[in-house]
Amino acid sequence: MAEIVTLTTPLPATATLRIADLDLNVRGSLIRVVLAEWVGGAWVDGGREIIATYSGAPADALMLALNKANLSTQSLHTRVIAQLIADGKLAGAGSGAAP
């Protein structure tokens, strides 16, 4: 099962999202995360998306932490989802494991 987030305040008809895009722009000090609707183990064509960003010093700090992280104990996607929830960019709970 891939890492997913189930929103505690779901979008209309959307409760389960998965990271579809994760862009780390070191030179531009920007992180862009796109979460897309994921149902029954597949992407939903034309489904809902949430875009979350970090820029400047917060992006630099998060990229440094992710770069130093031990990804054998917790995957990159799991860490990013947990950070989005911790920072209030998502209201939900992450679940699943790296495929």
Protein backbone atom coordinates (compact mmCIF):
# COMPACT_ATOMS: atom_id res chain seq x y z
CA MET A 1 0.00 0.00 0.00
CA ALA A 2 1.35 3.42 -0.92
CA GLU A 3 1.47 6.31 1.51
CA ILE A 4 -1.83 8.18 1.54
CA VAL A 5 -3.50 10.87 3.61
CA THR A 6 -7.13 10.68 4.67
CA LEU A 7 -8.47 14.15 5.27
CA THR A 8 -10.37 14.83 8.48
CA THR A 9 -12.19 17.60 6.65
CA PRO A 10 -12.63 16.04 3.21
CA LEU A 11 -13.10 17.91 0.00
CA PRO A 12 -16.50 17.23 -1.57
CA ALA A 13 -16.47 13.52 -2.49
CA THR A 14 -12.72 13.30 -1.83
CA ALA A 15 -11.17 11.87 1.30
CA THR A 16 -8.06 10.00 0.16
CA LEU A 17 -5.08 11.65 -1.50
CA ARG A 18 -1.58 10.51 -2.46
CA ILE A 19 1.52 12.47 -3.38
CA ALA A 20 1.46 12.81 -7.17
CA ASP A 21 4.29 15.35 -7.51
CA LEU A 22 7.10 16.32 -5.16
CA ASP A 23 9.35 19.09 -6.45
CA LEU A 24 12.43 20.13 -4.47
CA ASN A 25 13.96 23.28 -5.97
CA VAL A 26 17.14 23.81 -3.98
CA ARG A 27 18.37 26.81 -5.96
CA GLY A 28 14.97 28.50 -5.79
CA SER A 29 14.32 27.60 -2.12
CA LEU A 30 10.94 26.10 -3.01
CA ILE A 31 9.13 22.85 -2.29
CA ARG A 32 5.90 22.08 -4.15
CA VAL A 33 3.77 19.07 -3.22
CA VAL A 34 0.79 18.00 -5.29
CA LEU A 35 -1.59 15.55 -3.64
CA ALA A 36 -4.11 13.92 -5.97
CA GLU A 37 -7.22 11.84 -5.45
CA TRP A 38 -6.51 8.14 -5.01
CA VAL A 39 -9.32 5.58 -4.80
CA GLY A 40 -9.19 1.79 -4.87
CA GLY A 41 -5.47 1.71 -5.60
CA ALA A 42 -5.63 4.00 -8.63
CA TRP A 43 -5.48 7.67 -9.56
CA VAL A 44 -8.84 9.29 -10.26
CA ASP A 45 -8.83 10.86 -13.73
CA GLY A 46 -9.87 14.49 -13.33
CA GLY A 47 -9.90 14.02 -9.55
CA ARG A 48 -9.31 16.65 -6.91
CA GLU A 49 -5.86 17.98 -6.11
CA ILE A 50 -4.31 19.94 -3.27
CA ILE A 51 -1.11 21.90 -3.84
CA ALA A 52 1.04 22.78 -0.83
CA THR A 53 4.21 24.86 -0.98
CA TYR A 54 7.11 25.90 1.21
CA SER A 55 9.40 28.74 0.20
CA GLY A 56 12.42 30.58 1.51
CA ALA A 57 13.95 29.56 4.84
CA PRO A 58 11.21 27.01 5.72
CA ALA A 59 11.81 25.24 2.40
CA ASP A 60 15.58 25.26 2.93
CA ALA A 61 15.20 23.83 6.44
CA LEU A 62 12.82 21.09 5.31
CA MET A 63 15.03 20.11 2.36
CA LEU A 64 18.03 19.89 4.70
CA ALA A 65 16.08 17.69 7.12
CA LEU A 66 14.81 15.45 4.29
CA ASN A 67 18.32 15.17 2.85
CA LYS A 68 19.71 13.99 6.19
CA ALA A 69 16.76 11.71 7.04
CA ASN A 70 17.12 7.95 7.38
CA LEU A 71 14.64 6.93 4.70
CA SER A 72 15.02 3.23 5.53
CA THR A 73 12.93 3.75 8.68
CA GLN A 74 10.32 6.15 7.25
CA SER A 75 9.86 6.88 3.55
CA LEU A 76 10.21 10.28 1.91
CA HIS A 77 6.48 10.46 1.12
CA THR A 78 5.52 9.50 4.69
CA ARG A 79 7.80 12.23 6.06
CA VAL A 80 6.41 14.84 3.67
CA ILE A 81 2.79 13.94 4.52
CA ALA A 82 3.58 14.07 8.25
CA GLN A 83 5.21 17.50 7.83
CA LEU A 84 2.26 18.86 5.86
CA ILE A 85 -0.08 17.73 8.64
CA ALA A 86 2.20 19.07 11.40
CA ASP A 87 2.41 22.46 9.67
CA GLY A 88 -1.36 22.69 9.21
CA LYS A 89 -1.20 22.49 5.43
CA LEU A 90 -3.37 19.34 5.58
CA ALA A 91 -5.93 18.25 8.15
CA GLY A 92 -5.79 14.49 8.22
CA ALA A 93 -3.90 11.36 9.11
CA GLY A 94 -1.30 9.61 6.99
CA SER A 95 -1.30 5.86 6.49
CA GLY A 96 0.25 3.18 4.35
CA ALA A 97 3.77 2.12 3.55
CA ALA A 98 6.18 2.53 0.69
CA PRO A 99 5.41 0.14 -2.16
